[in-house]
Structure formats: C-alpha cells, structure tokens
Amino acid sequence: KTIEIPLNDDFELISDDYCFKDDNAPGLIVFANPNAPTGIAL
C-alpha cells in the first residue's frame, strides 16, 4: 500500500506532510534529495 504525498504547487517537498502519527505510520518513508525529476533539494 502506498501513501503518495503531493509536492506543493512549486514542486517542493514539505517536511510537515511527512510527520505521521503512530497509528498510521508507514514502515518506510523514502524520498530523493535532491528530488527527481524536479532537482529541488530539501
């Protein structure tokens, strides 16, 4: 099962969107930094 989190309108990854509560936490969070294909770095 996937939890796909939208980048914002400027194609930026927003860290607050990745702060999960224990009862719905994924086993793995993965992201490219700098991101592909946008090239934007966190």
PDB file of all heavy atoms in Angstrom:
ATOM      1  N   LYS A   1       0.842  -1.191   0.000  1.00  0.00           N
ATOM      2  CA  LYS A   1       0.000   0.000   0.000  1.00  0.00           C
ATOM      3  C   LYS A   1       0.880   1.245   0.000  1.00  0.00           C
ATOM      4  O   LYS A   1       1.901   1.302   0.688  1.00  0.00           O
ATOM      5  CB  LYS A   1      -0.896   0.011   1.238  1.00  0.00           C
ATOM      6  CG  LYS A   1      -1.796   1.238   1.348  1.00  0.00           C
ATOM      7  CD  LYS A   1      -2.610   1.213   2.630  1.00  0.00           C
ATOM      8  CE  LYS A   1      -3.428   2.492   2.778  1.00  0.00           C
ATOM      9  NZ  LYS A   1      -4.181   2.506   4.066  1.00  0.00           N
ATOM     10  N   THR A   2       0.491   2.259  -0.775  1.00  0.00           N
ATOM     11  CA  THR A   2       1.294   3.479  -0.876  1.00  0.00           C
ATOM     12  C   THR A   2       0.576   4.676  -0.266  1.00  0.00           C
ATOM     13  O   THR A   2      -0.652   4.775  -0.316  1.00  0.00           O
ATOM     14  CB  THR A   2       1.624   3.802  -2.341  1.00  0.00           C
ATOM     15  OG1 THR A   2       0.408   4.038  -3.063  1.00  0.00           O
ATOM     16  CG2 THR A   2       2.396   2.673  -2.983  1.00  0.00           C
ATOM     17  N   ILE A   3       1.368   5.559   0.305  1.00  0.00           N
ATOM     18  CA  ILE A   3       0.893   6.870   0.752  1.00  0.00           C
ATOM     19  C   ILE A   3       1.671   7.875  -0.093  1.00  0.00           C
ATOM     20  O   ILE A   3       2.841   8.158   0.175  1.00  0.00           O
ATOM     21  CB  ILE A   3       1.157   7.092   2.254  1.00  0.00           C
ATOM     22  CG1 ILE A   3       0.494   5.997   3.092  1.00  0.00           C
ATOM     23  CG2 ILE A   3       0.655   8.472   2.687  1.00  0.00           C
ATOM     24  CD1 ILE A   3       0.907   6.016   4.559  1.00  0.00           C
ATOM     25  N   GLU A   4       1.034   8.394  -1.134  1.00  0.00           N
ATOM     26  CA  GLU A   4       1.704   9.318  -2.048  1.00  0.00           C
ATOM     27  C   GLU A   4       1.352  10.745  -1.634  1.00  0.00           C
ATOM     28  O   GLU A   4       0.196  11.142  -1.662  1.00  0.00           O
ATOM     29  CB  GLU A   4       1.296   9.035  -3.488  1.00  0.00           C
ATOM     30  CG  GLU A   4       1.752   7.659  -3.963  1.00  0.00           C
ATOM     31  CD  GLU A   4       1.471   7.414  -5.431  1.00  0.00           C
ATOM     32  OE1 GLU A   4       1.897   8.236  -6.263  1.00  0.00           O
ATOM     33  OE2 GLU A   4       0.832   6.394  -5.741  1.00  0.00           O
ATOM     34  N   ILE A   5       2.375  11.484  -1.254  1.00  0.00           N
ATOM     35  CA  ILE A   5       2.187  12.815  -0.674  1.00  0.00           C
ATOM     36  C   ILE A   5       2.498  13.870  -1.725  1.00  0.00           C
ATOM     37  O   ILE A   5       3.623  13.929  -2.240  1.00  0.00           O
ATOM     38  CB  ILE A   5       3.096  12.981   0.554  1.00  0.00           C
ATOM     39  CG1 ILE A   5       2.793  11.883   1.577  1.00  0.00           C
ATOM     40  CG2 ILE A   5       2.926  14.364   1.170  1.00  0.00           C
ATOM     41  CD1 ILE A   5       3.757  11.827   2.733  1.00  0.00           C
ATOM     42  N   PRO A   6       1.526  14.715  -2.063  1.00  0.00           N
ATOM     43  CA  PRO A   6       1.757  15.696  -3.138  1.00  0.00           C
ATOM     44  C   PRO A   6       2.838  16.718  -2.778  1.00  0.00           C
ATOM     45  O   PRO A   6       2.886  17.219  -1.649  1.00  0.00           O
ATOM     46  CB  PRO A   6       0.395  16.383  -3.282  1.00  0.00           C
ATOM     47  CG  PRO A   6      -0.597  15.437  -2.693  1.00  0.00           C
ATOM     48  CD  PRO A   6       0.139  14.741  -1.578  1.00  0.00           C
ATOM     49  N   LEU A   7       3.701  17.005  -3.735  1.00  0.00           N
ATOM     50  CA  LEU A   7       4.540  18.186  -3.628  1.00  0.00           C
ATOM     51  C   LEU A   7       3.641  19.412  -3.681  1.00  0.00           C
ATOM     52  O   LEU A   7       2.513  19.340  -4.174  1.00  0.00           O
ATOM     53  CB  LEU A   7       5.549  18.234  -4.774  1.00  0.00           C
ATOM     54  CG  LEU A   7       6.526  17.056  -4.925  1.00  0.00           C
ATOM     55  CD1 LEU A   7       7.423  17.287  -6.131  1.00  0.00           C
ATOM     56  CD2 LEU A   7       7.359  16.838  -3.676  1.00  0.00           C
ATOM     57  N   ASN A   8       4.119  20.553  -3.185  1.00  0.00           N
ATOM     58  CA  ASN A   8       3.284  21.740  -3.248  1.00  0.00           C
ATOM     59  C   ASN A   8       3.251  22.297  -4.675  1.00  0.00           C
ATOM     60  O   ASN A   8       3.821  21.700  -5.602  1.00  0.00           O
ATOM     61  CB  ASN A   8       3.724  22.793  -2.217  1.00  0.00           C
ATOM     62  CG  ASN A   8       5.058  23.439  -2.552  1.00  0.00           C
ATOM     63  OD1 ASN A   8       5.626  23.264  -3.645  1.00  0.00           O
ATOM     64  ND2 ASN A   8       5.587  24.219  -1.624  1.00  0.00           N
ATOM     65  N   ASP A   9       2.592  23.429  -4.860  1.00  0.00           N
ATOM     66  CA  ASP A   9       2.413  23.974  -6.204  1.00  0.00           C
ATOM     67  C   ASP A   9       3.717  24.418  -6.847  1.00  0.00           C
ATOM     68  O   ASP A   9       3.787  24.624  -8.063  1.00  0.00           O
ATOM     69  CB  ASP A   9       1.430  25.146  -6.173  1.00  0.00           C
ATOM     70  CG  ASP A   9       0.004  24.701  -5.881  1.00  0.00           C
ATOM     71  OD1 ASP A   9      -0.282  23.497  -6.033  1.00  0.00           O
ATOM     72  OD2 ASP A   9      -0.816  25.560  -5.478  1.00  0.00           O
ATOM     73  N   ASP A  10       4.767  24.587  -6.028  1.00  0.00           N
ATOM     74  CA  ASP A  10       6.087  24.937  -6.542  1.00  0.00           C
ATOM     75  C   ASP A  10       6.992  23.709  -6.640  1.00  0.00           C
ATOM     76  O   ASP A  10       8.213  23.841  -6.758  1.00  0.00           O
ATOM     77  CB  ASP A  10       6.742  25.992  -5.641  1.00  0.00           C
ATOM     78  CG  ASP A  10       5.997  27.315  -5.652  1.00  0.00           C
ATOM     79  OD1 ASP A  10       5.566  27.732  -6.747  1.00  0.00           O
ATOM     80  OD2 ASP A  10       5.833  27.929  -4.582  1.00  0.00           O
ATOM     81  N   PHE A  11       6.389  22.523  -6.557  1.00  0.00           N
ATOM     82  CA  PHE A  11       7.096  21.236  -6.663  1.00  0.00           C
ATOM     83  C   PHE A  11       8.102  21.029  -5.526  1.00  0.00           C
ATOM     84  O   PHE A  11       9.115  20.354  -5.700  1.00  0.00           O
ATOM     85  CB  PHE A  11       7.788  21.096  -8.023  1.00  0.00           C
ATOM     86  CG  PHE A  11       6.833  21.140  -9.175  1.00  0.00           C
ATOM     87  CD1 PHE A  11       6.747  22.261  -9.983  1.00  0.00           C
ATOM     88  CD2 PHE A  11       5.991  20.068  -9.443  1.00  0.00           C
ATOM     89  CE1 PHE A  11       5.844  22.310 -11.043  1.00  0.00           C
ATOM     90  CE2 PHE A  11       5.089  20.103 -10.494  1.00  0.00           C
ATOM     91  CZ  PHE A  11       5.016  21.228 -11.299  1.00  0.00           C
ATOM     92  N   GLU A  12       7.796  21.566  -4.355  1.00  0.00           N
ATOM     93  CA  GLU A  12       8.649  21.400  -3.181  1.00  0.00           C
ATOM     94  C   GLU A  12       8.082  20.337  -2.253  1.00  0.00           C
ATOM     95  O   GLU A  12       6.860  20.223  -2.091  1.00  0.00           O
ATOM     96  CB  GLU A  12       8.774  22.721  -2.418  1.00  0.00           C
ATOM     97  CG  GLU A  12       9.420  23.828  -3.209  1.00  0.00           C
ATOM     98  CD  GLU A  12       9.253  25.181  -2.556  1.00  0.00           C
ATOM     99  OE1 GLU A  12       8.263  25.367  -1.808  1.00  0.00           O
ATOM    100  OE2 GLU A  12      10.097  26.060  -2.799  1.00  0.00           O
ATOM    101  N   LEU A  13       8.963  19.578  -1.646  1.00  0.00           N
ATOM    102  CA  LEU A  13       8.568  18.623  -0.619  1.00  0.00           C
ATOM    103  C   LEU A  13       8.440  19.376   0.695  1.00  0.00           C
ATOM    104  O   LEU A  13       9.359  20.090   1.095  1.00  0.00           O
ATOM    105  CB  LEU A  13       9.617  17.513  -0.518  1.00  0.00           C
ATOM    106  CG  LEU A  13       9.340  16.335   0.405  1.00  0.00           C
ATOM    107  CD1 LEU A  13      10.089  15.095  -0.092  1.00  0.00           C
ATOM    108  CD2 LEU A  13       9.771  16.634   1.847  1.00  0.00           C
ATOM    109  N   ILE A  14       7.306  19.217   1.377  1.00  0.00           N
ATOM    110  CA  ILE A  14       7.042  19.915   2.637  1.00  0.00           C
ATOM    111  C   ILE A  14       7.204  18.921   3.780  1.00  0.00           C
ATOM    112  O   ILE A  14       6.439  17.946   3.880  1.00  0.00           O
ATOM    113  CB  ILE A  14       5.633  20.532   2.652  1.00  0.00           C
ATOM    114  CG1 ILE A  14       5.447  21.451   1.443  1.00  0.00           C
ATOM    115  CG2 ILE A  14       5.392  21.285   3.954  1.00  0.00           C
ATOM    116  CD1 ILE A  14       6.436  22.591   1.348  1.00  0.00           C
ATOM    117  N   SER A  15       8.185  19.145   4.638  1.00  0.00           N
ATOM    118  CA  SER A  15       8.519  18.167   5.675  1.00  0.00           C
ATOM    119  C   SER A  15       7.354  17.907   6.628  1.00  0.00           C
ATOM    120  O   SER A  15       7.173  16.779   7.111  1.00  0.00           O
ATOM    121  CB  SER A  15       9.746  18.627   6.460  1.00  0.00           C
ATOM    122  OG  SER A  15       9.539  19.888   7.046  1.00  0.00           O
ATOM    123  N   ASP A  16       6.543  18.931   6.916  1.00  0.00           N
ATOM    124  CA  ASP A  16       5.413  18.736   7.838  1.00  0.00           C
ATOM    125  C   ASP A  16       4.444  17.676   7.326  1.00  0.00           C
ATOM    126  O   ASP A  16       3.746  17.029   8.126  1.00  0.00           O
ATOM    127  CB  ASP A  16       4.670  20.048   8.051  1.00  0.00           C
ATOM    128  CG  ASP A  16       5.440  21.027   8.928  1.00  0.00           C
ATOM    129  OD1 ASP A  16       6.382  20.583   9.621  1.00  0.00           O
ATOM    130  OD2 ASP A  16       5.117  22.224   8.903  1.00  0.00           O
ATOM    131  N   ASP A  17       4.371  17.498   6.014  1.00  0.00           N
ATOM    132  CA  ASP A  17       3.459  16.500   5.442  1.00  0.00           C
ATOM    133  C   ASP A  17       3.917  15.074   5.722  1.00  0.00           C
ATOM    134  O   ASP A  17       3.173  14.119   5.471  1.00  0.00           O
ATOM    135  CB  ASP A  17       3.357  16.690   3.925  1.00  0.00           C
ATOM    136  CG  ASP A  17       2.698  18.009   3.542  1.00  0.00           C
ATOM    137  OD1 ASP A  17       2.004  18.596   4.387  1.00  0.00           O
ATOM    138  OD2 ASP A  17       2.894  18.445   2.389  1.00  0.00           O
ATOM    139  N   TYR A  18       5.145  14.920   6.223  1.00  0.00           N
ATOM    140  CA  TYR A  18       5.721  13.594   6.453  1.00  0.00           C
ATOM    141  C   TYR A  18       5.841  13.262   7.938  1.00  0.00           C
ATOM    142  O   TYR A  18       6.542  12.323   8.303  1.00  0.00           O
ATOM    143  CB  TYR A  18       7.102  13.503   5.791  1.00  0.00           C
ATOM    144  CG  TYR A  18       7.016  13.477   4.281  1.00  0.00           C
ATOM    145  CD1 TYR A  18       6.786  14.653   3.570  1.00  0.00           C
ATOM    146  CD2 TYR A  18       7.130  12.287   3.570  1.00  0.00           C
ATOM    147  CE1 TYR A  18       6.678  14.645   2.187  1.00  0.00           C
ATOM    148  CE2 TYR A  18       7.033  12.267   2.190  1.00  0.00           C
ATOM    149  CZ  TYR A  18       6.803  13.450   1.507  1.00  0.00           C
ATOM    150  OH  TYR A  18       6.686  13.422   0.141  1.00  0.00           O
ATOM    151  N   CYS A  19       5.154  14.004   8.786  1.00  0.00           N
ATOM    152  CA  CYS A  19       5.177  13.735  10.223  1.00  0.00           C
ATOM    153  C   CYS A  19       3.937  12.933  10.580  1.00  0.00           C
ATOM    154  O   CYS A  19       2.844  13.488  10.760  1.00  0.00           O
ATOM    155  CB  CYS A  19       5.248  15.037  11.007  1.00  0.00           C
ATOM    156  SG  CYS A  19       6.774  15.963  10.711  1.00  0.00           S
ATOM    157  N   PHE A  20       4.086  11.616  10.656  1.00  0.00           N
ATOM    158  CA  PHE A  20       2.956  10.709  10.847  1.00  0.00           C
ATOM    159  C   PHE A  20       2.705  10.448  12.328  1.00  0.00           C
ATOM    160  O   PHE A  20       3.624  10.497  13.149  1.00  0.00           O
ATOM    161  CB  PHE A  20       3.219   9.387  10.136  1.00  0.00           C
ATOM    162  CG  PHE A  20       3.247   9.494   8.652  1.00  0.00           C
ATOM    163  CD1 PHE A  20       4.446   9.731   7.983  1.00  0.00           C
ATOM    164  CD2 PHE A  20       2.092   9.380   7.901  1.00  0.00           C
ATOM    165  CE1 PHE A  20       4.483   9.828   6.603  1.00  0.00           C
ATOM    166  CE2 PHE A  20       2.118   9.478   6.517  1.00  0.00           C
ATOM    167  CZ  PHE A  20       3.324   9.708   5.870  1.00  0.00           C
ATOM    168  N   LYS A  21       1.474  10.130  12.637  1.00  0.00           N
ATOM    169  CA  LYS A  21       1.127   9.661  13.980  1.00  0.00           C
ATOM    170  C   LYS A  21       1.376   8.156  14.045  1.00  0.00           C
ATOM    171  O   LYS A  21       1.332   7.464  13.033  1.00  0.00           O
ATOM    172  CB  LYS A  21      -0.335   9.986  14.298  1.00  0.00           C
ATOM    173  CG  LYS A  21      -0.648  11.482  14.319  1.00  0.00           C
ATOM    174  CD  LYS A  21      -2.078  11.726  14.748  1.00  0.00           C
ATOM    175  CE  LYS A  21      -2.412  13.223  14.684  1.00  0.00           C
ATOM    176  NZ  LYS A  21      -1.563  14.024  15.562  1.00  0.00           N
ATOM    177  N   ASP A  22       1.610   7.664  15.239  1.00  0.00           N
ATOM    178  CA  ASP A  22       1.973   6.252  15.407  1.00  0.00           C
ATOM    179  C   ASP A  22       0.946   5.298  14.811  1.00  0.00           C
ATOM    180  O   ASP A  22       1.289   4.258  14.258  1.00  0.00           O
ATOM    181  CB  ASP A  22       2.162   5.915  16.887  1.00  0.00           C
ATOM    182  CG  ASP A  22       3.440   6.519  17.444  1.00  0.00           C
ATOM    183  OD1 ASP A  22       4.250   7.012  16.647  1.00  0.00           O
ATOM    184  OD2 ASP A  22       3.620   6.490  18.669  1.00  0.00           O
ATOM    185  N   ASP A  23      -0.346   5.655  14.894  1.00  0.00           N
ATOM    186  CA  ASP A  23      -1.380   4.710  14.464  1.00  0.00           C
ATOM    187  C   ASP A  23      -1.535   4.617  12.948  1.00  0.00           C
ATOM    188  O   ASP A  23      -2.214   3.723  12.441  1.00  0.00           O
ATOM    189  CB  ASP A  23      -2.735   5.055  15.105  1.00  0.00           C
ATOM    190  CG  ASP A  23      -3.176   6.477  14.799  1.00  0.00           C
ATOM    191  OD1 ASP A  23      -2.396   7.235  14.192  1.00  0.00           O
ATOM    192  OD2 ASP A  23      -4.304   6.836  15.177  1.00  0.00           O
ATOM    193  N   ASN A  24      -0.914   5.541  12.195  1.00  0.00           N
ATOM    194  CA  ASN A  24      -0.986   5.428  10.728  1.00  0.00           C
ATOM    195  C   ASN A  24       0.395   5.564  10.090  1.00  0.00           C
ATOM    196  O   ASN A  24       0.522   5.938   8.932  1.00  0.00           O
ATOM    197  CB  ASN A  24      -1.935   6.481  10.151  1.00  0.00           C
ATOM    198  CG  ASN A  24      -1.395   7.905  10.280  1.00  0.00           C
ATOM    199  OD1 ASN A  24      -0.490   8.155  11.076  1.00  0.00           O
ATOM    200  ND2 ASN A  24      -1.953   8.827   9.510  1.00  0.00           N
ATOM    201  N   ALA A  25       1.426   5.244  10.851  1.00  0.00           N
ATOM    202  CA  ALA A  25       2.796   5.402  10.365  1.00  0.00           C
ATOM    203  C   ALA A  25       3.142   4.346   9.322  1.00  0.00           C
ATOM    204  O   ALA A  25       2.808   3.168   9.485  1.00  0.00           O
ATOM    205  CB  ALA A  25       3.772   5.307  11.528  1.00  0.00           C
ATOM    206  N   PRO A  26       3.812   4.730   8.252  1.00  0.00           N
ATOM    207  CA  PRO A  26       4.286   3.741   7.284  1.00  0.00           C
ATOM    208  C   PRO A  26       5.513   3.020   7.825  1.00  0.00           C
ATOM    209  O   PRO A  26       6.186   3.506   8.740  1.00  0.00           O
ATOM    210  CB  PRO A  26       4.651   4.602   6.073  1.00  0.00           C
ATOM    211  CG  PRO A  26       5.025   5.923   6.658  1.00  0.00           C
ATOM    212  CD  PRO A  26       4.163   6.110   7.873  1.00  0.00           C
ATOM    213  N   GLY A  27       5.813   1.861   7.258  1.00  0.00           N
ATOM    214  CA  GLY A  27       7.032   1.175   7.641  1.00  0.00           C
ATOM    215  C   GLY A  27       8.252   1.848   7.064  1.00  0.00           C
ATOM    216  O   GLY A  27       9.341   1.817   7.651  1.00  0.00           O
ATOM    217  N   LEU A  28       8.075   2.494   5.900  1.00  0.00           N
ATOM    218  CA  LEU A  28       9.187   3.124   5.184  1.00  0.00           C
ATOM    219  C   LEU A  28       8.730   4.456   4.610  1.00  0.00           C
ATOM    220  O   LEU A  28       7.641   4.555   4.045  1.00  0.00           O
ATOM    221  CB  LEU A  28       9.662   2.210   4.050  1.00  0.00           C
ATOM    222  CG  LEU A  28      10.795   2.723   3.152  1.00  0.00           C
ATOM    223  CD1 LEU A  28      12.101   2.838   3.940  1.00  0.00           C
ATOM    224  CD2 LEU A  28      10.982   1.794   1.944  1.00  0.00           C
ATOM    225  N   ILE A  29       9.566   5.473   4.777  1.00  0.00           N
ATOM    226  CA  ILE A  29       9.401   6.762   4.109  1.00  0.00           C
ATOM    227  C   ILE A  29      10.622   6.932   3.210  1.00  0.00           C
ATOM    228  O   ILE A  29      11.760   6.800   3.667  1.00  0.00           O
ATOM    229  CB  ILE A  29       9.339   7.921   5.118  1.00  0.00           C
ATOM    230  CG1 ILE A  29       8.142   7.753   6.067  1.00  0.00           C
ATOM    231  CG2 ILE A  29       9.263   9.264   4.394  1.00  0.00           C
ATOM    232  CD1 ILE A  29       8.174   8.699   7.265  1.00  0.00           C
ATOM    233  N   VAL A  30      10.405   7.186   1.933  1.00  0.00           N
ATOM    234  CA  VAL A  30      11.530   7.301   1.003  1.00  0.00           C
ATOM    235  C   VAL A  30      11.337   8.515   0.113  1.00  0.00           C
ATOM    236  O   VAL A  30      10.233   8.783  -0.371  1.00  0.00           O
ATOM    237  CB  VAL A  30      11.700   6.005   0.162  1.00  0.00           C
ATOM    238  CG1 VAL A  30      10.441   5.665  -0.617  1.00  0.00           C
ATOM    239  CG2 VAL A  30      12.900   6.127  -0.776  1.00  0.00           C
ATOM    240  N   PHE A  31      12.395   9.273  -0.071  1.00  0.00           N
ATOM    241  CA  PHE A  31      12.353  10.412  -0.986  1.00  0.00           C
ATOM    242  C   PHE A  31      13.764  10.688  -1.495  1.00  0.00           C
ATOM    243  O   PHE A  31      14.758  10.407  -0.818  1.00  0.00           O
ATOM    244  CB  PHE A  31      11.778  11.665  -0.315  1.00  0.00           C
ATOM    245  CG  PHE A  31      12.468  12.075   0.950  1.00  0.00           C
ATOM    246  CD1 PHE A  31      13.522  12.969   0.946  1.00  0.00           C
ATOM    247  CD2 PHE A  31      12.040  11.562   2.173  1.00  0.00           C
ATOM    248  CE1 PHE A  31      14.148  13.345   2.117  1.00  0.00           C
ATOM    249  CE2 PHE A  31      12.660  11.942   3.360  1.00  0.00           C
ATOM    250  CZ  PHE A  31      13.723  12.829   3.328  1.00  0.00           C
ATOM    251  N   ALA A  32      13.827  11.207  -2.708  1.00  0.00           N
ATOM    252  CA  ALA A  32      15.112  11.588  -3.301  1.00  0.00           C
ATOM    253  C   ALA A  32      15.433  13.018  -2.900  1.00  0.00           C
ATOM    254  O   ALA A  32      14.559  13.887  -2.928  1.00  0.00           O
ATOM    255  CB  ALA A  32      15.040  11.476  -4.818  1.00  0.00           C
ATOM    256  N   ASN A  33      16.680  13.252  -2.524  1.00  0.00           N
ATOM    257  CA  ASN A  33      17.102  14.595  -2.145  1.00  0.00           C
ATOM    258  C   ASN A  33      18.526  14.845  -2.666  1.00  0.00           C
ATOM    259  O   ASN A  33      19.468  14.238  -2.149  1.00  0.00           O
ATOM    260  CB  ASN A  33      17.052  14.781  -0.627  1.00  0.00           C
ATOM    261  CG  ASN A  33      17.199  16.237  -0.228  1.00  0.00           C
ATOM    262  OD1 ASN A  33      16.599  17.111  -0.850  1.00  0.00           O
ATOM    263  ND2 ASN A  33      17.995  16.501   0.782  1.00  0.00           N
ATOM    264  N   PRO A  34      18.677  15.714  -3.684  1.00  0.00           N
ATOM    265  CA  PRO A  34      17.669  16.460  -4.427  1.00  0.00           C
ATOM    266  C   PRO A  34      16.659  15.522  -5.107  1.00  0.00           C
ATOM    267  O   PRO A  34      16.982  14.387  -5.436  1.00  0.00           O
ATOM    268  CB  PRO A  34      18.478  17.231  -5.458  1.00  0.00           C
ATOM    269  CG  PRO A  34      19.856  17.326  -4.887  1.00  0.00           C
ATOM    270  CD  PRO A  34      20.055  16.052  -4.148  1.00  0.00           C
ATOM    271  N   ASN A  35      15.468  16.074  -5.290  1.00  0.00           N
ATOM    272  CA  ASN A  35      14.390  15.252  -5.838  1.00  0.00           C
ATOM    273  C   ASN A  35      14.559  15.077  -7.345  1.00  0.00           C
ATOM    274  O   ASN A  35      15.209  15.872  -8.016  1.00  0.00           O
ATOM    275  CB  ASN A  35      13.040  15.899  -5.532  1.00  0.00           C
ATOM    276  CG  ASN A  35      11.877  14.953  -5.733  1.00  0.00           C
ATOM    277  OD1 ASN A  35      12.042  13.733  -5.769  1.00  0.00           O
ATOM    278  ND2 ASN A  35      10.681  15.506  -5.873  1.00  0.00           N
ATOM    279  N   ALA A  36      13.994  14.005  -7.835  1.00  0.00           N
ATOM    280  CA  ALA A  36      13.938  13.767  -9.271  1.00  0.00           C
ATOM    281  C   ALA A  36      12.461  13.596  -9.654  1.00  0.00           C
ATOM    282  O   ALA A  36      11.740  12.909  -8.931  1.00  0.00           O
ATOM    283  CB  ALA A  36      14.720  12.502  -9.634  1.00  0.00           C
ATOM    284  N   PRO A  37      12.004  14.240 -10.714  1.00  0.00           N
ATOM    285  CA  PRO A  37      12.786  14.949 -11.739  1.00  0.00           C
ATOM    286  C   PRO A  37      12.892  16.458 -11.537  1.00  0.00           C
ATOM    287  O   PRO A  37      13.326  17.165 -12.446  1.00  0.00           O
ATOM    288  CB  PRO A  37      11.972  14.659 -12.995  1.00  0.00           C
ATOM    289  CG  PRO A  37      10.545  14.678 -12.506  1.00  0.00           C
ATOM    290  CD  PRO A  37      10.594  14.055 -11.135  1.00  0.00           C
ATOM    291  N   THR A  38      12.515  16.967 -10.363  1.00  0.00           N
ATOM    292  CA  THR A  38      12.469  18.424 -10.191  1.00  0.00           C
ATOM    293  C   THR A  38      13.839  19.037  -9.925  1.00  0.00           C
ATOM    294  O   THR A  38      14.060  20.201 -10.221  1.00  0.00           O
ATOM    295  CB  THR A  38      11.544  18.810  -9.033  1.00  0.00           C
ATOM    296  OG1 THR A  38      12.117  18.338  -7.796  1.00  0.00           O
ATOM    297  CG2 THR A  38      10.161  18.208  -9.224  1.00  0.00           C
ATOM    298  N   GLY A  39      14.754  18.272  -9.302  1.00  0.00           N
ATOM    299  CA  GLY A  39      16.073  18.792  -8.957  1.00  0.00           C
ATOM    300  C   GLY A  39      16.091  19.631  -7.697  1.00  0.00           C
ATOM    301  O   GLY A  39      17.152  20.087  -7.260  1.00  0.00           O
ATOM    302  N   ILE A  40      14.944  19.847  -7.078  1.00  0.00           N
ATOM    303  CA  ILE A  40      14.857  20.719  -5.900  1.00  0.00           C
ATOM    304  C   ILE A  40      15.323  19.956  -4.661  1.00  0.00           C
ATOM    305  O   ILE A  40      14.935  18.801  -4.445  1.00  0.00           O
ATOM    306  CB  ILE A  40      13.423  21.238  -5.712  1.00  0.00           C
ATOM    307  CG1 ILE A  40      13.026  22.095  -6.926  1.00  0.00           C
ATOM    308  CG2 ILE A  40      13.280  22.036  -4.426  1.00  0.00           C
ATOM    309  CD1 ILE A  40      11.573  22.513  -6.948  1.00  0.00           C
ATOM    310  N   ALA A  41      16.145  20.611  -3.843  1.00  0.00           N
ATOM    311  CA  ALA A  41      16.737  19.961  -2.670  1.00  0.00           C
ATOM    312  C   ALA A  41      16.079  20.447  -1.380  1.00  0.00           C
ATOM    313  O   ALA A  41      15.729  21.624  -1.249  1.00  0.00           O
ATOM    314  CB  ALA A  41      18.236  20.220  -2.620  1.00  0.00           C
ATOM    315  N   LEU A  42      15.947  19.526  -0.454  1.00  0.00           N
ATOM    316  CA  LEU A  42      15.435  19.818   0.880  1.00  0.00           C
ATOM    317  C   LEU A  42      16.621  20.116   1.783  1.00  0.00           C
ATOM    318  O   LEU A  42      17.625  19.405   1.760  1.00  0.00           O
ATOM    319  CB  LEU A  42      14.660  18.604   1.397  1.00  0.00           C
ATOM    320  CG  LEU A  42      13.692  18.775   2.562  1.00  0.00           C
ATOM    321  CD1 LEU A  42      12.575  19.746   2.189  1.00  0.00           C
ATOM    322  CD2 LEU A  42      13.107  17.421   2.953  1.00  0.00           C
TER     323      LEU A  42
END
